[in-house]
């Protein structure tokens, strides 16, 4: 390898090292990453609790709705039974005539 090639490699290494030295201060430290992880964990814990509360409200509403539907169903059944008895009586009266 000739002198000018060696100098070019050394200059290339120096340039690369300079770029690395410029980037290094901007990189997070282990402590920075640990703190960010803890903040993220707290955030997700809060989000999970909000989701859990929402699901509980939905489940409660579902139960209320189910009870309301069951009530309407029972009323309809009662009304249909009344109509069936009325129709049966009318059919009996019609046969007697």
PDB file of N, CA and C in Angstrom:
ATOM      1  N   UNK A   1       0.853  -1.169   0.000  1.00  0.00           N
ATOM      2  CA  UNK A   1       0.000   0.000   0.000  1.00  0.00           C
ATOM      3  C   UNK A   1       0.906   1.240   0.000  1.00  0.00           C
ATOM      4  N   UNK A   2       0.567   2.178  -0.830  1.00  0.00           N
ATOM      5  CA  UNK A   2       1.384   3.377  -0.979  1.00  0.00           C
ATOM      6  C   UNK A   2       1.010   4.425   0.061  1.00  0.00           C
ATOM      7  N   UNK A   3       1.872   5.383   0.228  1.00  0.00           N
ATOM      8  CA  UNK A   3       1.723   6.418   1.249  1.00  0.00           C
ATOM      9  C   UNK A   3       0.411   7.190   1.064  1.00  0.00           C
ATOM     10  N   UNK A   4       0.080   7.596  -0.142  1.00  0.00           N
ATOM     11  CA  UNK A   4      -1.153   8.379  -0.367  1.00  0.00           C
ATOM     12  C   UNK A   4      -2.410   7.536  -0.064  1.00  0.00           C
ATOM     13  N   UNK A   5      -2.367   6.211  -0.290  1.00  0.00           N
ATOM     14  CA  UNK A   5      -3.497   5.322   0.050  1.00  0.00           C
ATOM     15  C   UNK A   5      -3.657   5.216   1.560  1.00  0.00           C
ATOM     16  N   UNK A   6      -2.523   5.120   2.251  1.00  0.00           N
ATOM     17  CA  UNK A   6      -2.556   5.047   3.720  1.00  0.00           C
ATOM     18  C   UNK A   6      -3.123   6.353   4.282  1.00  0.00           C
ATOM     19  N   UNK A   7      -2.683   7.476   3.732  1.00  0.00           N
ATOM     20  CA  UNK A   7      -3.184   8.777   4.186  1.00  0.00           C
ATOM     21  C   UNK A   7      -4.679   8.905   3.916  1.00  0.00           C
ATOM     22  N   UNK A   8      -5.157   8.401   2.794  1.00  0.00           N
ATOM     23  CA  UNK A   8      -6.591   8.438   2.458  1.00  0.00           C
ATOM     24  C   UNK A   8      -7.392   7.594   3.447  1.00  0.00           C
ATOM     25  N   UNK A   9      -6.866   6.416   3.804  1.00  0.00           N
ATOM     26  CA  UNK A   9      -7.556   5.562   4.792  1.00  0.00           C
ATOM     27  C   UNK A   9      -7.602   6.243   6.156  1.00  0.00           C
ATOM     28  N   UNK A  10      -6.474   6.832   6.529  1.00  0.00           N
ATOM     29  CA  UNK A  10      -6.428   7.528   7.829  1.00  0.00           C
ATOM     30  C   UNK A  10      -7.409   8.694   7.833  1.00  0.00           C
ATOM     31  N   UNK A  11      -7.465   9.456   6.747  1.00  0.00           N
ATOM     32  CA  UNK A  11      -8.401  10.580   6.643  1.00  0.00           C
ATOM     33  C   UNK A  11      -9.852  10.072   6.706  1.00  0.00           C
ATOM     34  N   UNK A  12     -10.129   8.964   6.036  1.00  0.00           N
ATOM     35  CA  UNK A  12     -11.464   8.353   6.049  1.00  0.00           C
ATOM     36  C   UNK A  12     -11.836   7.947   7.478  1.00  0.00           C
ATOM     37  N   UNK A  13     -10.881   7.323   8.166  1.00  0.00           N
ATOM     38  CA  UNK A  13     -11.129   6.906   9.561  1.00  0.00           C
ATOM     39  C   UNK A  13     -11.363   8.136  10.429  1.00  0.00           C
ATOM     40  N   UNK A  14     -10.592   9.183  10.226  1.00  0.00           N
ATOM     41  CA  UNK A  14     -10.757  10.419  11.001  1.00  0.00           C
ATOM     42  C   UNK A  14     -12.133  11.031  10.761  1.00  0.00           C
ATOM     43  N   UNK A  15     -12.574  11.055   9.510  1.00  0.00           N
ATOM     44  CA  UNK A  15     -13.906  11.609   9.174  1.00  0.00           C
ATOM     45  C   UNK A  15     -15.021  10.788   9.825  1.00  0.00           C
ATOM     46  N   UNK A  16     -14.887   9.492   9.738  1.00  0.00           N
ATOM     47  CA  UNK A  16     -15.900   8.612  10.348  1.00  0.00           C
ATOM     48  C   UNK A  16     -15.924   8.794  11.857  1.00  0.00           C
ATOM     49  N   UNK A  17     -14.749   8.887  12.471  1.00  0.00           N
ATOM     50  CA  UNK A  17     -14.668   9.083  13.919  1.00  0.00           C
ATOM     51  C   UNK A  17     -15.297  10.410  14.318  1.00  0.00           C
ATOM     52  N   UNK A  18     -15.076  11.439  13.542  1.00  0.00           N
ATOM     53  CA  UNK A  18     -15.662  12.755  13.818  1.00  0.00           C
ATOM     54  C   UNK A  18     -17.190  12.700  13.763  1.00  0.00           C
ATOM     55  N   UNK A  19     -17.720  12.009  12.766  1.00  0.00           N
ATOM     56  CA  UNK A  19     -19.188  11.867  12.661  1.00  0.00           C
ATOM     57  C   UNK A  19     -19.744  11.098  13.861  1.00  0.00           C
ATOM     58  N   UNK A  20     -19.037  10.063  14.273  1.00  0.00           N
ATOM     59  CA  UNK A  20     -19.473   9.271  15.435  1.00  0.00           C
ATOM     60  C   UNK A  20     -19.465  10.147  16.682  1.00  0.00           C
ATOM     61  N   UNK A  21     -18.421  10.965  16.842  1.00  0.00           N
ATOM     62  CA  UNK A  21     -18.321  11.849  18.009  1.00  0.00           C
ATOM     63  C   UNK A  21     -19.448  12.868  18.027  1.00  0.00           C
ATOM     64  N   UNK A  22     -19.938  13.264  16.860  1.00  0.00           N
ATOM     65  CA  UNK A  22     -21.056  14.211  16.789  1.00  0.00           C
ATOM     66  C   UNK A  22     -22.375  13.530  17.171  1.00  0.00           C
ATOM     67  N   UNK A  23     -22.509  12.271  16.828  1.00  0.00           N
ATOM     68  CA  UNK A  23     -23.750  11.533  17.099  1.00  0.00           C
ATOM     69  C   UNK A  23     -23.830  11.077  18.559  1.00  0.00           C
ATOM     70  N   UNK A  24     -22.720  10.674  19.128  1.00  0.00           N
ATOM     71  CA  UNK A  24     -22.713  10.079  20.472  1.00  0.00           C
ATOM     72  C   UNK A  24     -23.447  10.903  21.531  1.00  0.00           C
ATOM     73  N   UNK A  25     -23.246  12.219  21.606  1.00  0.00           N
ATOM     74  CA  UNK A  25     -23.942  12.979  22.658  1.00  0.00           C
ATOM     75  C   UNK A  25     -25.463  12.984  22.516  1.00  0.00           C
ATOM     76  N   UNK A  26     -25.958  12.702  21.322  1.00  0.00           N
ATOM     77  CA  UNK A  26     -27.414  12.716  21.119  1.00  0.00           C
ATOM     78  C   UNK A  26     -28.082  11.391  21.458  1.00  0.00           C
ATOM     79  N   UNK A  27     -27.293  10.351  21.658  1.00  0.00           N
ATOM     80  CA  UNK A  27     -27.860   9.032  21.952  1.00  0.00           C
ATOM     81  C   UNK A  27     -28.271   8.943  23.416  1.00  0.00           C
ATOM     82  N   UNK A  28     -29.400   8.278  23.701  1.00  0.00           N
ATOM     83  CA  UNK A  28     -29.836   8.143  25.095  1.00  0.00           C
ATOM     84  C   UNK A  28     -28.925   7.196  25.875  1.00  0.00           C
ATOM     85  N   UNK A  29     -28.837   7.481  27.172  1.00  0.00           N
ATOM     86  CA  UNK A  29     -28.060   6.616  28.051  1.00  0.00           C
ATOM     87  C   UNK A  29     -28.953   5.497  28.567  1.00  0.00           C
ATOM     88  N   UNK A  30     -28.360   4.544  29.262  1.00  0.00           N
ATOM     89  CA  UNK A  30     -29.148   3.462  29.870  1.00  0.00           C
ATOM     90  C   UNK A  30     -30.182   4.048  30.817  1.00  0.00           C
ATOM     91  N   UNK A  31     -29.770   5.042  31.593  1.00  0.00           N
ATOM     92  CA  UNK A  31     -30.697   5.670  32.546  1.00  0.00           C
ATOM     93  C   UNK A  31     -31.852   6.342  31.809  1.00  0.00           C
ATOM     94  N   UNK A  32     -31.544   7.030  30.698  1.00  0.00           N
ATOM     95  CA  UNK A  32     -32.608   7.655  29.895  1.00  0.00           C
ATOM     96  C   UNK A  32     -33.595   6.606  29.410  1.00  0.00           C
ATOM     97  N   UNK A  33     -33.070   5.505  28.921  1.00  0.00           N
ATOM     98  CA  UNK A  33     -33.931   4.440  28.403  1.00  0.00           C
ATOM     99  C   UNK A  33     -34.761   3.815  29.513  1.00  0.00           C
ATOM    100  N   UNK A  34     -34.171   3.642  30.686  1.00  0.00           N
ATOM    101  CA  UNK A  34     -34.893   3.075  31.822  1.00  0.00           C
ATOM    102  C   UNK A  34     -36.039   3.999  32.249  1.00  0.00           C
ATOM    103  N   UNK A  35     -35.752   5.309  32.311  1.00  0.00           N
ATOM    104  CA  UNK A  35     -36.794   6.274  32.689  1.00  0.00           C
ATOM    105  C   UNK A  35     -37.922   6.299  31.660  1.00  0.00           C
ATOM    106  N   UNK A  36     -37.554   6.259  30.399  1.00  0.00           N
ATOM    107  CA  UNK A  36     -38.569   6.234  29.340  1.00  0.00           C
ATOM    108  C   UNK A  36     -39.417   4.973  29.440  1.00  0.00           C
ATOM    109  N   UNK A  37     -38.778   3.852  29.724  1.00  0.00           N
ATOM    110  CA  UNK A  37     -39.520   2.603  29.899  1.00  0.00           C
ATOM    111  C   UNK A  37     -40.493   2.679  31.056  1.00  0.00           C
ATOM    112  N   UNK A  38     -40.075   3.304  32.151  1.00  0.00           N
ATOM    113  CA  UNK A  38     -40.966   3.443  33.309  1.00  0.00           C
ATOM    114  C   UNK A  38     -42.138   4.360  32.987  1.00  0.00           C
ATOM    115  N   UNK A  39     -41.864   5.469  32.275  1.00  0.00           N
ATOM    116  CA  UNK A  39     -42.959   6.379  31.882  1.00  0.00           C
ATOM    117  C   UNK A  39     -43.942   5.661  30.959  1.00  0.00           C
ATOM    118  N   UNK A  40     -43.398   4.892  30.023  1.00  0.00           N
ATOM    119  CA  UNK A  40     -44.258   4.141  29.097  1.00  0.00           C
ATOM    120  C   UNK A  40     -45.104   3.133  29.859  1.00  0.00           C
ATOM    121  N   UNK A  41     -44.499   2.452  30.801  1.00  0.00           N
ATOM    122  CA  UNK A  41     -45.236   1.459  31.595  1.00  0.00           C
ATOM    123  C   UNK A  41     -46.364   2.122  32.377  1.00  0.00           C
ATOM    124  N   UNK A  42     -46.071   3.260  33.021  1.00  0.00           N
ATOM    125  CA  UNK A  42     -47.124   3.974  33.766  1.00  0.00           C
ATOM    126  C   UNK A  42     -48.253   4.394  32.829  1.00  0.00           C
ATOM    127  N   UNK A  43     -47.883   4.887  31.655  1.00  0.00           N
ATOM    128  CA  UNK A  43     -48.896   5.309  30.679  1.00  0.00           C
ATOM    129  C   UNK A  43     -49.788   4.131  30.285  1.00  0.00           C
ATOM    130  N   UNK A  44     -49.183   3.000  29.971  1.00  0.00           N
ATOM    131  CA  UNK A  44     -49.979   1.840  29.571  1.00  0.00           C
ATOM    132  C   UNK A  44     -50.812   1.299  30.722  1.00  0.00           C
ATOM    133  N   UNK A  45     -50.313   1.405  31.950  1.00  0.00           N
ATOM    134  CA  UNK A  45     -51.117   0.994  33.110  1.00  0.00           C
ATOM    135  C   UNK A  45     -52.373   1.856  33.209  1.00  0.00           C
ATOM    136  N   UNK A  46     -52.215   3.155  32.987  1.00  0.00           N
ATOM    137  CA  UNK A  46     -53.364   4.071  33.033  1.00  0.00           C
ATOM    138  C   UNK A  46     -54.339   3.746  31.903  1.00  0.00           C
ATOM    139  N   UNK A  47     -53.814   3.552  30.714  1.00  0.00           N
ATOM    140  CA  UNK A  47     -54.664   3.220  29.563  1.00  0.00           C
ATOM    141  C   UNK A  47     -55.403   1.913  29.806  1.00  0.00           C
ATOM    142  N   UNK A  48     -54.694   0.912  30.336  1.00  0.00           N
ATOM    143  CA  UNK A  48     -55.326  -0.387  30.603  1.00  0.00           C
ATOM    144  C   UNK A  48     -56.446  -0.236  31.626  1.00  0.00           C
ATOM    145  N   UNK A  49     -56.237   0.585  32.646  1.00  0.00           N
ATOM    146  CA  UNK A  49     -57.275   0.793  33.658  1.00  0.00           C
ATOM    147  C   UNK A  49     -58.491   1.491  33.047  1.00  0.00           C
ATOM    148  N   UNK A  50     -58.261   2.452  32.165  1.00  0.00           N
ATOM    149  CA  UNK A  50     -59.376   3.131  31.495  1.00  0.00           C
ATOM    150  C   UNK A  50     -60.149   2.152  30.611  1.00  0.00           C
ATOM    151  N   UNK A  51     -59.444   1.285  29.920  1.00  0.00           N
ATOM    152  CA  UNK A  51     -60.107   0.281  29.075  1.00  0.00           C
ATOM    153  C   UNK A  51     -60.918  -0.674  29.943  1.00  0.00           C
ATOM    154  N   UNK A  52     -60.323  -1.097  31.051  1.00  0.00           N
ATOM    155  CA  UNK A  52     -61.020  -2.011  31.960  1.00  0.00           C
ATOM    156  C   UNK A  52     -62.312  -1.364  32.485  1.00  0.00           C
ATOM    157  N   UNK A  53     -62.229  -0.074  32.852  1.00  0.00           N
ATOM    158  CA  UNK A  53     -63.421   0.632  33.340  1.00  0.00           C
ATOM    159  C   UNK A  53     -64.476   0.737  32.239  1.00  0.00           C
ATOM    160  N   UNK A  54     -64.041   0.996  31.012  1.00  0.00           N
ATOM    161  CA  UNK A  54     -64.981   1.089  29.892  1.00  0.00           C
ATOM    162  C   UNK A  54     -65.667  -0.250  29.637  1.00  0.00           C
ATOM    163  N   UNK A  55     -64.900  -1.318  29.693  1.00  0.00           N
ATOM    164  CA  UNK A  55     -65.471  -2.647  29.476  1.00  0.00           C
ATOM    165  C   UNK A  55     -66.483  -2.970  30.571  1.00  0.00           C
ATOM    166  N   UNK A  56     -66.173  -2.585  31.803  1.00  0.00           N
ATOM    167  CA  UNK A  56     -67.122  -2.831  32.903  1.00  0.00           C
ATOM    168  C   UNK A  56     -68.421  -2.072  32.671  1.00  0.00           C
ATOM    169  N   UNK A  57     -68.323  -0.809  32.200  1.00  0.00           N
ATOM    170  CA  UNK A  57     -69.530  -0.023  31.915  1.00  0.00           C
ATOM    171  C   UNK A  57     -70.344  -0.665  30.796  1.00  0.00           C
ATOM    172  N   UNK A  58     -69.642  -1.126  29.767  1.00  0.00           N
ATOM    173  CA  UNK A  58     -70.336  -1.781  28.652  1.00  0.00           C
ATOM    174  C   UNK A  58     -71.036  -3.048  29.131  1.00  0.00           C
ATOM    175  N   UNK A  59     -70.342  -3.831  29.954  1.00  0.00           N
ATOM    176  CA  UNK A  59     -70.937  -5.064  30.475  1.00  0.00           C
ATOM    177  C   UNK A  59     -72.152  -4.757  31.344  1.00  0.00           C
ATOM    178  N   UNK A  60     -72.048  -3.709  32.153  1.00  0.00           N
ATOM    179  CA  UNK A  60     -73.184  -3.315  32.997  1.00  0.00           C
ATOM    180  C   UNK A  60     -74.367  -2.896  32.129  1.00  0.00           C
ATOM    181  N   UNK A  61     -74.082  -2.081  31.095  1.00  0.00           N
ATOM    182  CA  UNK A  61     -75.141  -1.653  30.179  1.00  0.00           C
ATOM    183  C   UNK A  61     -75.754  -2.838  29.455  1.00  0.00           C
ATOM    184  N   UNK A  62     -74.932  -3.801  29.100  1.00  0.00           N
ATOM    185  CA  UNK A  62     -75.420  -5.011  28.438  1.00  0.00           C
ATOM    186  C   UNK A  62     -76.381  -5.758  29.352  1.00  0.00           C
ATOM    187  N   UNK A  63     -76.027  -5.835  30.636  1.00  0.00           N
ATOM    188  CA  UNK A  63     -76.909  -6.504  31.593  1.00  0.00           C
ATOM    189  C   UNK A  63     -78.237  -5.785  31.745  1.00  0.00           C
ATOM    190  N   UNK A  64     -78.177  -4.473  31.828  1.00  0.00           N
ATOM    191  CA  UNK A  64     -79.409  -3.669  31.949  1.00  0.00           C
ATOM    192  C   UNK A  64     -80.260  -3.853  30.700  1.00  0.00           C
ATOM    193  N   UNK A  65     -79.625  -3.796  29.563  1.00  0.00           N
ATOM    194  CA  UNK A  65     -80.349  -3.970  28.304  1.00  0.00           C
ATOM    195  C   UNK A  65     -80.988  -5.357  28.222  1.00  0.00           C
ATOM    196  N   UNK A  66     -80.235  -6.378  28.644  1.00  0.00           N
ATOM    197  CA  UNK A  66     -80.768  -7.740  28.645  1.00  0.00           C
ATOM    198  C   UNK A  66     -82.008  -7.859  29.523  1.00  0.00           C
ATOM    199  N   UNK A  67     -81.947  -7.232  30.704  1.00  0.00           N
ATOM    200  CA  UNK A  67     -83.099  -7.257  31.611  1.00  0.00           C
ATOM    201  C   UNK A  67     -84.296  -6.530  30.993  1.00  0.00           C
ATOM    202  N   UNK A  68     -84.021  -5.410  30.341  1.00  0.00           N
ATOM    203  CA  UNK A  68     -85.094  -4.641  29.709  1.00  0.00           C
ATOM    204  C   UNK A  68     -85.726  -5.446  28.566  1.00  0.00           C
ATOM    205  N   UNK A  69     -84.901  -6.089  27.766  1.00  0.00           N
ATOM    206  CA  UNK A  69     -85.402  -6.920  26.669  1.00  0.00           C
ATOM    207  C   UNK A  69     -86.236  -8.071  27.219  1.00  0.00           C
ATOM    208  N   UNK A  70     -85.759  -8.682  28.291  1.00  0.00           N
ATOM    209  CA  UNK A  70     -86.508  -9.785  28.907  1.00  0.00           C
ATOM    210  C   UNK A  70     -87.868  -9.311  29.400  1.00  0.00           C
ATOM    211  N   UNK A  71     -87.901  -8.083  29.960  1.00  0.00           N
ATOM    212  CA  UNK A  71     -89.177  -7.518  30.406  1.00  0.00           C
ATOM    213  C   UNK A  71     -90.142  -7.303  29.254  1.00  0.00           C
ATOM    214  N   UNK A  72     -89.629  -6.749  28.160  1.00  0.00           N
ATOM    215  CA  UNK A  72     -90.475  -6.525  26.976  1.00  0.00           C
ATOM    216  C   UNK A  72     -90.946  -7.864  26.419  1.00  0.00           C
ATOM    217  N   UNK A  73     -90.060  -8.848  26.411  1.00  0.00           N
ATOM    218  CA  UNK A  73     -90.424 -10.182  25.935  1.00  0.00           C
ATOM    219  C   UNK A  73     -91.557 -10.771  26.766  1.00  0.00           C
ATOM    220  N   UNK A  74     -91.460 -10.611  28.082  1.00  0.00           N
ATOM    221  CA  UNK A  74     -92.505 -11.137  28.966  1.00  0.00           C
ATOM    222  C   UNK A  74     -93.835 -10.431  28.716  1.00  0.00           C
ATOM    223  N   UNK A  75     -93.782  -9.102  28.521  1.00  0.00           N
ATOM    224  CA  UNK A  75     -95.011  -8.350  28.225  1.00  0.00           C
ATOM    225  C   UNK A  75     -95.626  -8.816  26.909  1.00  0.00           C
ATOM    226  N   UNK A  76     -94.792  -8.996  25.900  1.00  0.00           N
ATOM    227  CA  UNK A  76     -95.296  -9.452  24.611  1.00  0.00           C
ATOM    228  C   UNK A  76     -95.914 -10.838  24.719  1.00  0.00           C
ATOM    229  N   UNK A  77     -95.277 -11.704  25.491  1.00  0.00           N
ATOM    230  CA  UNK A  77     -95.819 -13.049  25.672  1.00  0.00           C
ATOM    231  C   UNK A  77     -97.181 -12.982  26.354  1.00  0.00           C
ATOM    232  N   UNK A  78     -97.288 -12.133  27.369  1.00  0.00           N
ATOM    233  CA  UNK A  78     -98.572 -11.968  28.064  1.00  0.00           C
ATOM    234  C   UNK A  78     -99.636 -11.455  27.103  1.00  0.00           C
ATOM    235  N   UNK A  79     -99.267 -10.434  26.305  1.00  0.00           N
ATOM    236  CA  UNK A  79    -100.220  -9.885  25.339  1.00  0.00           C
ATOM    237  C   UNK A  79    -100.618 -10.932  24.299  1.00  0.00           C
ATOM    238  N   UNK A  80     -99.645 -11.692  23.809  1.00  0.00           N
ATOM    239  CA  UNK A  80     -99.962 -12.728  22.827  1.00  0.00           C
ATOM    240  C   UNK A  80    -100.860 -13.804  23.417  1.00  0.00           C
ATOM    241  N   UNK A  81    -100.589 -14.168  24.667  1.00  0.00           N
ATOM    242  CA  UNK A  81    -101.449 -15.156  25.329  1.00  0.00           C
ATOM    243  C   UNK A  81    -102.880 -14.636  25.427  1.00  0.00           C
ATOM    244  N   UNK A  82    -103.042 -13.361  25.766  1.00  0.00           N
ATOM    245  CA  UNK A  82    -104.383 -12.762  25.847  1.00  0.00           C
ATOM    246  C   UNK A  82    -105.064 -12.810  24.482  1.00  0.00           C
ATOM    247  N   UNK A  83    -104.325 -12.462  23.448  1.00  0.00           N
ATOM    248  CA  UNK A  83    -104.896 -12.483  22.095  1.00  0.00           C
ATOM    249  C   UNK A  83    -105.250 -13.908  21.677  1.00  0.00           C
ATOM    250  N   UNK A  84    -104.417 -14.869  22.008  1.00  0.00           N
ATOM    251  CA  UNK A  84    -104.705 -16.265  21.687  1.00  0.00           C
ATOM    252  C   UNK A  84    -106.009 -16.707  22.358  1.00  0.00           C
ATOM    253  N   UNK A  85    -106.158 -16.354  23.644  1.00  0.00           N
ATOM    254  CA  UNK A  85    -107.394 -16.731  24.355  1.00  0.00           C
ATOM    255  C   UNK A  85    -108.608 -16.047  23.717  1.00  0.00           C
ATOM    256  N   UNK A  86    -108.447 -14.779  23.347  1.00  0.00           N
ATOM    257  CA  UNK A  86    -109.558 -14.040  22.727  1.00  0.00           C
ATOM    258  C   UNK A  86    -109.931 -14.674  21.387  1.00  0.00           C
ATOM    259  N   UNK A  87    -108.904 -15.001  20.581  1.00  0.00           N
ATOM    260  CA  UNK A  87    -109.160 -15.633  19.279  1.00  0.00           C
ATOM    261  C   UNK A  87    -109.833 -16.995  19.472  1.00  0.00           C
ATOM    262  N   UNK A  88    -109.355 -17.741  20.452  1.00  0.00           N
ATOM    263  CA  UNK A  88    -109.950 -19.049  20.727  1.00  0.00           C
ATOM    264  C   UNK A  88    -111.421 -18.887  21.106  1.00  0.00           C
ATOM    265  N   UNK A  89    -111.726 -17.901  21.968  1.00  0.00           N
ATOM    266  CA  UNK A  89    -113.134 -17.681  22.354  1.00  0.00           C
ATOM    267  C   UNK A  89    -113.978 -17.293  21.141  1.00  0.00           C
ATOM    268  N   UNK A  90    -113.435 -16.424  20.295  1.00  0.00           N
ATOM    269  CA  UNK A  90    -114.174 -15.996  19.108  1.00  0.00           C
ATOM    270  C   UNK A  90    -114.424 -17.176  18.166  1.00  0.00           C
ATOM    271  N   UNK A  91    -113.432 -18.070  18.055  1.00  0.00           N
ATOM    272  CA  UNK A  91    -113.616 -19.247  17.193  1.00  0.00           C
ATOM    273  C   UNK A  91    -114.677 -20.168  17.767  1.00  0.00           C
ATOM    274  N   UNK A  92    -114.707 -20.309  19.087  1.00  0.00           N
ATOM    275  CA  UNK A  92    -115.703 -21.162  19.716  1.00  0.00           C
ATOM    276  C   UNK A  92    -117.092 -20.561  19.482  1.00  0.00           C
ATOM    277  N   UNK A  93    -117.210 -19.249  19.691  1.00  0.00           N
ATOM    278  CA  UNK A  93    -118.518 -18.584  19.471  1.00  0.00           C
ATOM    279  C   UNK A  93    -118.957 -18.701  18.022  1.00  0.00           C
ATOM    280  N   UNK A  94    -118.025 -18.595  17.110  1.00  0.00           N
ATOM    281  CA  UNK A  94    -118.357 -18.685  15.695  1.00  0.00           C
ATOM    282  C   UNK A  94    -118.881 -20.081  15.341  1.00  0.00           C
ATOM    283  N   UNK A  95    -118.259 -21.119  15.943  1.00  0.00           N
ATOM    284  CA  UNK A  95    -118.697 -22.489  15.681  1.00  0.00           C
ATOM    285  C   UNK A  95    -120.114 -22.711  16.224  1.00  0.00           C
ATOM    286  N   UNK A  96    -120.450 -22.067  17.322  1.00  0.00           N
ATOM    287  CA  UNK A  96    -121.772 -22.257  17.936  1.00  0.00           C
ATOM    288  C   UNK A  96    -122.876 -21.646  17.074  1.00  0.00           C
ATOM    289  N   UNK A  97    -122.565 -20.703  16.254  1.00  0.00           N
ATOM    290  CA  UNK A  97    -123.577 -20.004  15.461  1.00  0.00           C
ATOM    291  C   UNK A  97    -123.957 -20.764  14.244  1.00  0.00           C
TER     292      UNK A  97
END
